[in-house]
Amino acid sequence: MDDVTPLRHADVVLLVLKKDRGHINFDDLTNRVKPNGIDGDIVLRILEKLKRDNHVYEKQRHTGGVDYAITVEGSMFIGYEKQRIIDEEKIRISQNTASQAKTYANRLLLVTGIAGAAALLLFLWQIFVWINPSYANFPYVLFGAIRK
């Protein structure tokens, strides 16, 4: 199982704790995840991560040992691998949305520029017609709307 990621290892340990629902000691937990290629050192590091994320808590035994149990947050957690996939999907969607917004903004800028240029040409035409009133009907003649 060389292709197994640390996220999958953490998910395996979390799944064992979810299935157990009670308190489980370190040796029993290590024996239950060993078939998945997870040794005691890795289990210890995973348990520390799970404790930091509030998915697991420790309970001191009267005999001096420590038991581990899952918290409510841990039992509701979907898993690190699935969470990674969801996070990557959110990033991809965010990037697509940003790209679409940029494309939309560029198109809007182009259309606004064209509209501004058309307004400027119309303004200049009106100034030209004001100076030379004989050309006032020129656009109509050009398009055949006025016939003599």
C-alpha atoms as a PDB file:
ATOM      1  CA  MET A   1       0.000   0.000   0.000  1.00  0.00           C
ATOM      2  CA  ASP A   2       2.663   2.494  -1.004  1.00  0.00           C
ATOM      3  CA  ASP A   3       0.099   4.707  -2.760  1.00  0.00           C
ATOM      4  CA  VAL A   4      -1.852   5.296   0.462  1.00  0.00           C
ATOM      5  CA  THR A   5      -1.750   8.931   1.495  1.00  0.00           C
ATOM      6  CA  PRO A   6      -1.554  10.214   5.061  1.00  0.00           C
ATOM      7  CA  LEU A   7      -5.101  11.483   4.628  1.00  0.00           C
ATOM      8  CA  ARG A   8      -6.307   7.944   3.946  1.00  0.00           C
ATOM      9  CA  HIS A   9      -4.378   6.701   6.980  1.00  0.00           C
ATOM     10  CA  ALA A  10      -6.122   9.306   9.133  1.00  0.00           C
ATOM     11  CA  ASP A  11      -9.476   8.318   7.648  1.00  0.00           C
ATOM     12  CA  VAL A  12      -8.828   4.642   8.495  1.00  0.00           C
ATOM     13  CA  VAL A  13      -8.020   5.478  12.127  1.00  0.00           C
ATOM     14  CA  LEU A  14     -11.042   7.761  12.331  1.00  0.00           C
ATOM     15  CA  LEU A  15     -13.273   5.052  10.854  1.00  0.00           C
ATOM     16  CA  VAL A  16     -12.099   2.508  13.438  1.00  0.00           C
ATOM     17  CA  LEU A  17     -12.851   4.994  16.196  1.00  0.00           C
ATOM     18  CA  LYS A  18     -16.284   5.719  14.665  1.00  0.00           C
ATOM     19  CA  LYS A  19     -17.137   2.017  14.499  1.00  0.00           C
ATOM     20  CA  ASP A  20     -15.949   1.390  18.059  1.00  0.00           C
ATOM     21  CA  ARG A  21     -17.884   4.332  19.568  1.00  0.00           C
ATOM     22  CA  GLY A  22     -16.513   3.469  22.984  1.00  0.00           C
ATOM     23  CA  HIS A  23     -13.086   3.968  24.449  1.00  0.00           C
ATOM     24  CA  ILE A  24     -10.282   2.094  22.740  1.00  0.00           C
ATOM     25  CA  ASN A  25      -6.708   1.826  23.956  1.00  0.00           C
ATOM     26  CA  PHE A  26      -3.686   2.568  21.811  1.00  0.00           C
ATOM     27  CA  ASP A  27      -2.539  -1.065  21.427  1.00  0.00           C
ATOM     28  CA  ASP A  28      -5.989  -2.272  20.363  1.00  0.00           C
ATOM     29  CA  LEU A  29      -6.309   0.611  17.889  1.00  0.00           C
ATOM     30  CA  THR A  30      -2.853  -0.112  16.458  1.00  0.00           C
ATOM     31  CA  ASN A  31      -3.687  -3.818  16.028  1.00  0.00           C
ATOM     32  CA  ARG A  32      -6.955  -2.978  14.250  1.00  0.00           C
ATOM     33  CA  VAL A  33      -5.350  -0.624  11.716  1.00  0.00           C
ATOM     34  CA  LYS A  34      -2.175  -2.657  11.161  1.00  0.00           C
ATOM     35  CA  PRO A  35      -3.702  -4.626   8.221  1.00  0.00           C
ATOM     36  CA  ASN A  36      -3.998  -1.280   6.416  1.00  0.00           C
ATOM     37  CA  GLY A  37      -0.235  -0.745   6.653  1.00  0.00           C
ATOM     38  CA  ILE A  38      -0.387   1.730   9.533  1.00  0.00           C
ATOM     39  CA  ASP A  39       2.144   1.142  12.315  1.00  0.00           C
ATOM     40  CA  GLY A  40       2.126   2.453  15.874  1.00  0.00           C
ATOM     41  CA  ASP A  41       4.229   5.544  15.185  1.00  0.00           C
ATOM     42  CA  ILE A  42       1.880   6.653  12.437  1.00  0.00           C
ATOM     43  CA  VAL A  43      -1.151   5.925  14.637  1.00  0.00           C
ATOM     44  CA  LEU A  44       0.309   8.110  17.367  1.00  0.00           C
ATOM     45  CA  ARG A  45       0.849  11.019  14.962  1.00  0.00           C
ATOM     46  CA  ILE A  46      -2.633  10.578  13.522  1.00  0.00           C
ATOM     47  CA  LEU A  47      -4.149  10.574  17.009  1.00  0.00           C
ATOM     48  CA  GLU A  48      -2.358  13.843  17.770  1.00  0.00           C
ATOM     49  CA  LYS A  49      -3.800  15.344  14.588  1.00  0.00           C
ATOM     50  CA  LEU A  50      -7.284  14.044  15.406  1.00  0.00           C
ATOM     51  CA  LYS A  51      -7.033  15.524  18.920  1.00  0.00           C
ATOM     52  CA  ARG A  52      -5.957  18.925  17.526  1.00  0.00           C
ATOM     53  CA  ASP A  53      -8.931  18.842  15.158  1.00  0.00           C
ATOM     54  CA  ASN A  54     -11.296  17.926  18.049  1.00  0.00           C
ATOM     55  CA  HIS A  55     -12.295  14.642  16.423  1.00  0.00           C
ATOM     56  CA  VAL A  56     -10.865  12.478  19.217  1.00  0.00           C
ATOM     57  CA  TYR A  57     -10.381  12.912  22.946  1.00  0.00           C
ATOM     58  CA  GLU A  58      -8.249  11.091  25.508  1.00  0.00           C
ATOM     59  CA  LYS A  59      -9.508   9.577  28.699  1.00  0.00           C
ATOM     60  CA  GLN A  60      -7.120   8.552  31.443  1.00  0.00           C
ATOM     61  CA  ARG A  61      -7.738   5.080  32.811  1.00  0.00           C
ATOM     62  CA  HIS A  62      -7.530   4.322  36.510  1.00  0.00           C
ATOM     63  CA  THR A  63      -4.752   1.842  35.726  1.00  0.00           C
ATOM     64  CA  GLY A  64      -2.608   4.605  34.244  1.00  0.00           C
ATOM     65  CA  GLY A  65      -3.227   4.030  30.545  1.00  0.00           C
ATOM     66  CA  VAL A  66      -5.010   6.200  28.026  1.00  0.00           C
ATOM     67  CA  ASP A  67      -8.106   5.389  26.013  1.00  0.00           C
ATOM     68  CA  TYR A  68      -9.208   7.231  22.889  1.00  0.00           C
ATOM     69  CA  ALA A  69     -12.777   7.945  21.822  1.00  0.00           C
ATOM     70  CA  ILE A  70     -14.435   9.888  19.060  1.00  0.00           C
ATOM     71  CA  THR A  71     -16.105  13.244  19.698  1.00  0.00           C
ATOM     72  CA  VAL A  72     -19.356  14.457  18.201  1.00  0.00           C
ATOM     73  CA  GLU A  73     -17.369  16.528  15.692  1.00  0.00           C
ATOM     74  CA  GLY A  74     -15.385  13.430  14.763  1.00  0.00           C
ATOM     75  CA  SER A  75     -18.481  11.305  14.236  1.00  0.00           C
ATOM     76  CA  MET A  76     -19.993  13.968  11.957  1.00  0.00           C
ATOM     77  CA  PHE A  77     -16.751  14.569  10.022  1.00  0.00           C
ATOM     78  CA  ILE A  78     -16.859  13.166   6.481  1.00  0.00           C
ATOM     79  CA  GLY A  79     -13.175  12.326   6.368  1.00  0.00           C
ATOM     80  CA  TYR A  80      -9.957  14.054   5.410  1.00  0.00           C
ATOM     81  CA  GLU A  81      -9.811  12.595   1.897  1.00  0.00           C
ATOM     82  CA  LYS A  82     -13.384  13.653   1.068  1.00  0.00           C
ATOM     83  CA  GLN A  83     -12.791  17.055   2.649  1.00  0.00           C
ATOM     84  CA  ARG A  84      -9.689  17.493   0.454  1.00  0.00           C
ATOM     85  CA  ILE A  85     -11.747  16.655  -2.645  1.00  0.00           C
ATOM     86  CA  ILE A  86     -14.463  19.113  -1.614  1.00  0.00           C
ATOM     87  CA  ASP A  87     -11.885  21.837  -0.934  1.00  0.00           C
ATOM     88  CA  GLU A  88     -10.252  21.284  -4.330  1.00  0.00           C
ATOM     89  CA  GLU A  89     -13.672  21.451  -5.993  1.00  0.00           C
ATOM     90  CA  LYS A  90     -14.423  24.721  -4.168  1.00  0.00           C
ATOM     91  CA  ILE A  91     -11.110  26.161  -5.362  1.00  0.00           C
ATOM     92  CA  ARG A  92     -11.804  25.041  -8.940  1.00  0.00           C
ATOM     93  CA  ILE A  93     -15.303  26.558  -8.864  1.00  0.00           C
ATOM     94  CA  SER A  94     -13.932  29.772  -7.366  1.00  0.00           C
ATOM     95  CA  GLN A  95     -11.288  30.007 -10.088  1.00  0.00           C
ATOM     96  CA  ASN A  96     -13.897  29.361 -12.797  1.00  0.00           C
ATOM     97  CA  THR A  97     -16.173  32.006 -11.307  1.00  0.00           C
ATOM     98  CA  ALA A  98     -13.316  34.513 -11.179  1.00  0.00           C
ATOM     99  CA  SER A  99     -12.407  33.726 -14.791  1.00  0.00           C
ATOM    100  CA  GLN A 100     -16.022  34.130 -15.930  1.00  0.00           C
ATOM    101  CA  ALA A 101     -16.318  37.418 -14.026  1.00  0.00           C
ATOM    102  CA  LYS A 102     -13.141  38.698 -15.670  1.00  0.00           C
ATOM    103  CA  THR A 103     -14.418  37.673 -19.122  1.00  0.00           C
ATOM    104  CA  TYR A 104     -17.747  39.378 -18.424  1.00  0.00           C
ATOM    105  CA  ALA A 105     -15.985  42.535 -17.222  1.00  0.00           C
ATOM    106  CA  ASN A 106     -13.811  42.602 -20.355  1.00  0.00           C
ATOM    107  CA  ARG A 107     -16.854  42.221 -22.611  1.00  0.00           C
ATOM    108  CA  LEU A 108     -18.705  44.920 -20.707  1.00  0.00           C
ATOM    109  CA  LEU A 109     -15.692  47.218 -21.061  1.00  0.00           C
ATOM    110  CA  LEU A 110     -15.566  46.561 -24.818  1.00  0.00           C
ATOM    111  CA  VAL A 111     -19.283  47.232 -25.293  1.00  0.00           C
ATOM    112  CA  THR A 112     -19.058  50.381 -23.162  1.00  0.00           C
ATOM    113  CA  GLY A 113     -16.124  51.557 -25.272  1.00  0.00           C
ATOM    114  CA  ILE A 114     -18.044  50.936 -28.499  1.00  0.00           C
ATOM    115  CA  ALA A 115     -21.096  52.750 -27.116  1.00  0.00           C
ATOM    116  CA  GLY A 116     -18.891  55.658 -26.033  1.00  0.00           C
ATOM    117  CA  ALA A 117     -17.269  55.834 -29.466  1.00  0.00           C
ATOM    118  CA  ALA A 118     -20.704  55.805 -31.132  1.00  0.00           C
ATOM    119  CA  ALA A 119     -21.911  58.577 -28.805  1.00  0.00           C
ATOM    120  CA  LEU A 120     -18.801  60.620 -29.567  1.00  0.00           C
ATOM    121  CA  LEU A 121     -19.322  60.202 -33.325  1.00  0.00           C
ATOM    122  CA  LEU A 122     -22.962  61.234 -32.959  1.00  0.00           C
ATOM    123  CA  PHE A 123     -21.926  64.282 -30.926  1.00  0.00           C
ATOM    124  CA  LEU A 124     -19.318  65.259 -33.505  1.00  0.00           C
ATOM    125  CA  TRP A 125     -21.889  64.788 -36.290  1.00  0.00           C
ATOM    126  CA  GLN A 126     -24.302  67.101 -34.472  1.00  0.00           C
ATOM    127  CA  ILE A 127     -21.580  69.747 -34.171  1.00  0.00           C
ATOM    128  CA  PHE A 128     -20.786  69.328 -37.879  1.00  0.00           C
ATOM    129  CA  VAL A 129     -24.493  69.681 -38.800  1.00  0.00           C
ATOM    130  CA  TRP A 130     -24.798  72.748 -36.570  1.00  0.00           C
ATOM    131  CA  ILE A 131     -21.878  74.329 -38.405  1.00  0.00           C
ATOM    132  CA  ASN A 132     -23.073  73.106 -41.852  1.00  0.00           C
ATOM    133  CA  PRO A 133     -26.899  72.873 -41.757  1.00  0.00           C
ATOM    134  CA  SER A 134     -27.024  71.762 -45.395  1.00  0.00           C
ATOM    135  CA  TYR A 135     -25.880  68.291 -44.335  1.00  0.00           C
ATOM    136  CA  ALA A 136     -28.702  67.850 -41.807  1.00  0.00           C
ATOM    137  CA  ASN A 137     -30.581  65.351 -44.020  1.00  0.00           C
ATOM    138  CA  PHE A 138     -27.468  63.558 -45.265  1.00  0.00           C
ATOM    139  CA  PRO A 139     -27.964  60.321 -43.260  1.00  0.00           C
ATOM    140  CA  TYR A 140     -31.525  60.047 -44.512  1.00  0.00           C
ATOM    141  CA  VAL A 141     -30.497  60.556 -48.116  1.00  0.00           C
ATOM    142  CA  LEU A 142     -27.675  58.103 -47.693  1.00  0.00           C
ATOM    143  CA  PHE A 143     -30.024  55.338 -46.561  1.00  0.00           C
ATOM    144  CA  GLY A 144     -32.772  56.207 -49.038  1.00  0.00           C
ATOM    145  CA  ALA A 145     -35.352  57.330 -46.500  1.00  0.00           C
ATOM    146  CA  ILE A 146     -35.934  60.702 -48.172  1.00  0.00           C
ATOM    147  CA  ARG A 147     -36.557  60.787 -51.911  1.00  0.00           C
ATOM    148  CA  LYS A 148     -36.658  63.948 -53.952  1.00  0.00           C
END
